[in-house]
């Protein structure tokens, strides 16, 4: 079975895109990220989420800048800390987009 990590349903969360198996919307995840929460903190607060699902939500947001413009920096990346290279290890390659998921090494 292939899981669609970001789902939309007009009868769920007022049609706002949300993460599979949760009541957490893409917008809520972006707000947490912009507020400075790292992956570990988000997963601690929302254990129903999965690492790959959060990554897919970030990719979804980057692909829909019209919906999430307030979370996108001038350089096109999402605001806030993304995945570190260690956290991104093992994710499918399409989810390791620079400026979206993986934080560039300092």
N, C-alpha and C. Protein backbone atom coordinates (compact mmCIF):
# COMPACT_ATOMS: atom_id res chain seq x y z
N UNK A 1 0.83 -1.18 0.00
CA UNK A 1 0.00 0.00 0.00
C UNK A 1 0.88 1.25 0.00
N UNK A 2 0.58 2.18 -0.87
CA UNK A 2 1.28 3.46 -0.91
C UNK A 2 0.48 4.47 -0.12
N UNK A 3 1.15 5.15 0.79
CA UNK A 3 0.48 6.13 1.63
C UNK A 3 0.61 7.51 0.99
N UNK A 4 -0.48 8.21 0.89
CA UNK A 4 -0.47 9.60 0.47
C UNK A 4 -0.34 10.43 1.75
N UNK A 5 0.85 10.93 2.02
CA UNK A 5 1.16 11.55 3.29
C UNK A 5 0.43 12.87 3.52
N UNK A 6 0.19 13.61 2.44
CA UNK A 6 -0.57 14.85 2.56
C UNK A 6 -1.90 14.62 1.87
N UNK A 7 -2.98 14.84 2.62
CA UNK A 7 -4.30 14.58 2.09
C UNK A 7 -5.17 15.82 2.19
N UNK A 8 -6.15 15.90 1.31
CA UNK A 8 -7.14 16.96 1.39
C UNK A 8 -8.52 16.32 1.28
N UNK A 9 -9.41 16.82 2.08
CA UNK A 9 -10.78 16.33 2.08
C UNK A 9 -11.65 17.50 2.54
N UNK A 10 -12.63 17.90 1.75
CA UNK A 10 -13.45 19.04 2.15
C UNK A 10 -14.20 18.83 3.46
N UNK A 11 -14.32 17.58 3.89
CA UNK A 11 -15.03 17.28 5.13
C UNK A 11 -14.10 17.15 6.34
N UNK A 12 -12.79 17.26 6.11
CA UNK A 12 -11.81 17.13 7.20
C UNK A 12 -10.99 18.41 7.27
N UNK A 13 -10.89 18.98 8.43
CA UNK A 13 -10.08 20.18 8.67
C UNK A 13 -10.45 21.32 7.72
N UNK A 14 -11.74 21.42 7.41
CA UNK A 14 -12.25 22.48 6.51
C UNK A 14 -11.54 22.49 5.16
N UNK A 15 -11.09 21.34 4.71
CA UNK A 15 -10.45 21.24 3.41
C UNK A 15 -8.98 21.60 3.40
N UNK A 16 -8.44 21.99 4.54
CA UNK A 16 -7.01 22.34 4.64
C UNK A 16 -6.18 21.06 4.50
N UNK A 17 -5.12 21.08 3.67
CA UNK A 17 -4.26 19.89 3.55
C UNK A 17 -3.71 19.48 4.91
N UNK A 18 -3.77 18.18 5.19
CA UNK A 18 -3.35 17.67 6.50
C UNK A 18 -2.47 16.43 6.32
N UNK A 19 -1.81 16.04 7.40
CA UNK A 19 -0.91 14.89 7.38
C UNK A 19 -1.68 13.61 7.68
N UNK A 20 -1.40 12.60 6.89
CA UNK A 20 -2.02 11.28 7.03
C UNK A 20 -1.97 10.80 8.47
N UNK A 21 -3.09 10.30 8.97
CA UNK A 21 -3.15 9.71 10.30
C UNK A 21 -3.15 10.71 11.44
N UNK A 22 -3.38 11.99 11.12
CA UNK A 22 -3.35 13.00 12.17
C UNK A 22 -4.39 14.08 11.90
N UNK A 23 -4.46 15.01 12.82
CA UNK A 23 -5.30 16.20 12.65
C UNK A 23 -4.39 17.42 12.57
N UNK A 24 -3.17 17.22 12.10
CA UNK A 24 -2.19 18.28 11.97
C UNK A 24 -2.16 18.72 10.51
N UNK A 25 -2.38 20.01 10.29
CA UNK A 25 -2.38 20.51 8.92
C UNK A 25 -0.97 20.89 8.48
N UNK A 26 -0.81 21.01 7.18
CA UNK A 26 0.47 21.46 6.63
C UNK A 26 0.78 22.85 7.18
N UNK A 27 -0.21 23.71 7.24
CA UNK A 27 -0.02 25.07 7.77
C UNK A 27 0.46 25.03 9.22
N UNK A 28 -0.08 24.14 10.04
CA UNK A 28 0.36 24.03 11.44
C UNK A 28 1.82 23.58 11.51
N UNK A 29 2.20 22.64 10.65
CA UNK A 29 3.60 22.19 10.62
C UNK A 29 4.53 23.33 10.22
N UNK A 30 4.12 24.09 9.21
CA UNK A 30 4.95 25.22 8.79
C UNK A 30 5.07 26.27 9.88
N UNK A 31 4.00 26.49 10.61
CA UNK A 31 4.04 27.44 11.71
C UNK A 31 4.98 26.96 12.81
N UNK A 32 4.95 25.67 13.11
CA UNK A 32 5.87 25.12 14.11
C UNK A 32 7.31 25.29 13.65
N UNK A 33 7.55 24.99 12.35
CA UNK A 33 8.90 25.11 11.81
C UNK A 33 9.37 26.57 11.87
N UNK A 34 8.50 27.49 11.44
CA UNK A 34 8.86 28.92 11.44
C UNK A 34 9.12 29.41 12.86
N UNK A 35 8.43 28.81 13.84
CA UNK A 35 8.63 29.18 15.25
C UNK A 35 9.93 28.63 15.82
N UNK A 36 10.64 27.84 15.02
CA UNK A 36 11.95 27.35 15.45
C UNK A 36 11.97 25.91 15.93
N UNK A 37 10.84 25.21 15.88
CA UNK A 37 10.83 23.82 16.33
C UNK A 37 11.55 22.93 15.33
N UNK A 38 12.45 22.13 15.84
CA UNK A 38 13.17 21.16 15.02
C UNK A 38 12.33 19.88 14.89
N UNK A 39 12.76 19.01 14.02
CA UNK A 39 12.04 17.76 13.76
C UNK A 39 11.76 16.98 15.04
N UNK A 40 12.75 16.83 15.90
CA UNK A 40 12.59 16.05 17.13
C UNK A 40 11.50 16.65 18.01
N UNK A 41 11.47 17.97 18.11
CA UNK A 41 10.45 18.63 18.93
C UNK A 41 9.05 18.44 18.36
N UNK A 42 8.94 18.51 17.04
CA UNK A 42 7.63 18.31 16.40
C UNK A 42 7.15 16.89 16.64
N UNK A 43 8.04 15.91 16.46
CA UNK A 43 7.67 14.51 16.67
C UNK A 43 7.34 14.22 18.13
N UNK A 44 7.99 14.90 19.05
CA UNK A 44 7.69 14.73 20.47
C UNK A 44 6.29 15.25 20.80
N UNK A 45 5.96 16.38 20.22
CA UNK A 45 4.63 16.98 20.46
C UNK A 45 3.51 16.25 19.73
N UNK A 46 3.86 15.63 18.61
CA UNK A 46 2.86 14.95 17.78
C UNK A 46 3.37 13.57 17.38
N UNK A 47 3.34 12.62 18.30
CA UNK A 47 3.88 11.28 18.01
C UNK A 47 3.12 10.53 16.92
N UNK A 48 1.94 11.01 16.55
CA UNK A 48 1.20 10.37 15.47
C UNK A 48 1.81 10.67 14.09
N UNK A 49 2.66 11.69 14.03
CA UNK A 49 3.32 12.03 12.76
C UNK A 49 4.51 11.13 12.51
N UNK A 50 4.92 11.08 11.26
CA UNK A 50 6.09 10.30 10.85
C UNK A 50 7.08 11.24 10.16
N UNK A 51 8.34 10.89 10.25
CA UNK A 51 9.42 11.69 9.65
C UNK A 51 9.17 11.93 8.17
N UNK A 52 8.80 10.89 7.44
CA UNK A 52 8.57 11.01 6.00
C UNK A 52 7.32 11.85 5.72
N UNK A 53 6.32 11.77 6.57
CA UNK A 53 5.11 12.56 6.40
C UNK A 53 5.36 14.05 6.57
N UNK A 54 6.17 14.40 7.54
CA UNK A 54 6.53 15.80 7.75
C UNK A 54 7.32 16.32 6.55
N UNK A 55 8.27 15.52 6.09
CA UNK A 55 9.05 15.91 4.91
C UNK A 55 8.15 16.12 3.71
N UNK A 56 7.19 15.23 3.52
CA UNK A 56 6.26 15.37 2.39
C UNK A 56 5.41 16.62 2.54
N UNK A 57 5.04 16.97 3.76
CA UNK A 57 4.27 18.20 3.99
C UNK A 57 5.09 19.43 3.61
N UNK A 58 6.38 19.43 3.93
CA UNK A 58 7.25 20.55 3.55
C UNK A 58 7.37 20.65 2.03
N UNK A 59 7.54 19.51 1.38
CA UNK A 59 7.64 19.51 -0.08
C UNK A 59 6.32 19.99 -0.70
N UNK A 60 5.22 19.55 -0.14
CA UNK A 60 3.90 19.97 -0.62
C UNK A 60 3.78 21.49 -0.50
N UNK A 61 4.17 22.05 0.63
CA UNK A 61 4.08 23.50 0.83
C UNK A 61 4.95 24.25 -0.17
N UNK A 62 6.15 23.77 -0.40
CA UNK A 62 7.05 24.43 -1.35
C UNK A 62 6.49 24.38 -2.77
N UNK A 63 5.74 23.33 -3.07
CA UNK A 63 5.14 23.19 -4.40
C UNK A 63 3.87 24.02 -4.56
N UNK A 64 3.37 24.57 -3.47
CA UNK A 64 2.15 25.38 -3.49
C UNK A 64 2.41 26.75 -2.84
N UNK A 65 3.32 27.53 -3.43
CA UNK A 65 3.66 28.82 -2.81
C UNK A 65 2.49 29.79 -2.75
N UNK A 66 1.50 29.61 -3.59
CA UNK A 66 0.33 30.47 -3.55
C UNK A 66 -0.47 30.28 -2.25
N UNK A 67 -0.45 29.06 -1.72
CA UNK A 67 -1.17 28.77 -0.48
C UNK A 67 -0.36 29.10 0.77
N UNK A 68 0.97 29.05 0.65
CA UNK A 68 1.83 29.16 1.83
C UNK A 68 2.88 30.26 1.71
N UNK A 69 2.54 31.34 1.01
CA UNK A 69 3.49 32.42 0.74
C UNK A 69 4.11 33.00 2.02
N UNK A 70 3.33 33.07 3.09
CA UNK A 70 3.86 33.67 4.32
C UNK A 70 4.94 32.82 4.99
N UNK A 71 5.12 31.58 4.54
CA UNK A 71 6.14 30.69 5.11
C UNK A 71 7.36 30.54 4.21
N UNK A 72 7.39 31.26 3.10
CA UNK A 72 8.47 31.10 2.13
C UNK A 72 9.37 32.33 2.17
N UNK A 73 10.66 32.07 2.34
CA UNK A 73 11.67 33.13 2.40
C UNK A 73 11.93 33.68 1.00
N UNK A 74 12.65 34.80 0.92
CA UNK A 74 12.96 35.43 -0.36
C UNK A 74 13.75 34.51 -1.29
N UNK A 75 14.56 33.62 -0.71
CA UNK A 75 15.36 32.70 -1.54
C UNK A 75 14.58 31.47 -1.99
N UNK A 76 13.30 31.39 -1.62
CA UNK A 76 12.45 30.27 -2.03
C UNK A 76 12.40 29.12 -1.04
N UNK A 77 13.18 29.18 0.04
CA UNK A 77 13.16 28.12 1.03
C UNK A 77 12.07 28.38 2.06
N UNK A 78 11.73 27.35 2.80
CA UNK A 78 10.72 27.50 3.85
C UNK A 78 11.36 28.10 5.09
N UNK A 79 10.61 28.93 5.79
CA UNK A 79 11.10 29.58 6.99
C UNK A 79 11.29 28.56 8.11
N UNK A 80 12.36 28.75 8.87
CA UNK A 80 12.60 27.90 10.03
C UNK A 80 13.54 26.75 9.74
N UNK A 81 13.89 26.02 10.79
CA UNK A 81 14.85 24.92 10.63
C UNK A 81 14.23 23.74 9.88
N UNK A 82 14.96 23.24 8.92
CA UNK A 82 14.54 22.03 8.20
C UNK A 82 15.22 20.82 8.81
N UNK A 83 15.24 19.75 8.06
CA UNK A 83 15.91 18.53 8.50
C UNK A 83 17.41 18.73 8.40
N UNK A 84 18.15 18.17 9.35
CA UNK A 84 19.60 18.12 9.23
C UNK A 84 19.93 17.00 8.25
N UNK A 85 21.16 16.96 7.73
CA UNK A 85 21.51 15.85 6.84
C UNK A 85 21.33 14.48 7.50
N UNK A 86 21.61 14.37 8.79
CA UNK A 86 21.42 13.10 9.49
C UNK A 86 19.94 12.73 9.58
N UNK A 87 19.09 13.71 9.86
CA UNK A 87 17.65 13.45 9.94
C UNK A 87 17.07 13.08 8.58
N UNK A 88 17.64 13.64 7.51
CA UNK A 88 17.15 13.37 6.16
C UNK A 88 17.66 12.05 5.60
N UNK A 89 18.68 11.49 6.21
CA UNK A 89 19.23 10.22 5.73
C UNK A 89 18.14 9.15 5.73
N UNK A 90 18.02 8.46 4.62
CA UNK A 90 17.02 7.41 4.52
C UNK A 90 15.70 7.86 3.93
N UNK A 91 15.49 9.18 3.83
CA UNK A 91 14.28 9.66 3.17
C UNK A 91 14.43 9.46 1.66
N UNK A 92 13.33 9.25 0.96
CA UNK A 92 13.42 9.18 -0.50
C UNK A 92 14.06 10.46 -1.05
N UNK A 93 14.80 10.32 -2.13
CA UNK A 93 15.57 11.44 -2.68
C UNK A 93 14.70 12.66 -3.00
N UNK A 94 13.48 12.44 -3.49
CA UNK A 94 12.62 13.57 -3.84
C UNK A 94 12.20 14.40 -2.63
N UNK A 95 12.39 13.85 -1.43
CA UNK A 95 12.05 14.58 -0.21
C UNK A 95 13.25 15.30 0.39
N UNK A 96 14.40 15.19 -0.26
CA UNK A 96 15.61 15.83 0.25
C UNK A 96 15.97 17.07 -0.53
N UNK A 97 14.97 17.82 -0.94
CA UNK A 97 15.17 19.03 -1.75
C UNK A 97 15.86 20.12 -0.95
N UNK A 98 16.94 20.68 -1.47
CA UNK A 98 17.63 21.77 -0.76
C UNK A 98 16.69 22.95 -0.55
N UNK A 99 16.78 23.57 0.61
CA UNK A 99 15.95 24.71 0.91
C UNK A 99 14.53 24.36 1.32
N UNK A 100 14.19 23.09 1.24
CA UNK A 100 12.85 22.65 1.63
C UNK A 100 12.94 21.79 2.86
N UNK A 101 13.70 20.70 2.76
CA UNK A 101 13.76 19.74 3.86
C UNK A 101 15.11 19.77 4.55
N UNK A 102 16.17 19.70 3.80
CA UNK A 102 17.49 19.53 4.39
C UNK A 102 18.13 20.89 4.67
N UNK A 103 18.54 21.09 5.91
CA UNK A 103 19.26 22.30 6.28
C UNK A 103 20.68 22.20 5.74
N UNK A 104 21.09 23.21 5.02
CA UNK A 104 22.46 23.22 4.48
C UNK A 104 23.46 23.26 5.63
N UNK A 105 24.56 22.49 5.52
CA UNK A 105 25.57 22.52 6.57
C UNK A 105 26.16 23.94 6.72
N UNK A 106 26.43 24.32 7.95
CA UNK A 106 26.94 25.67 8.22
C UNK A 106 28.38 25.81 7.79
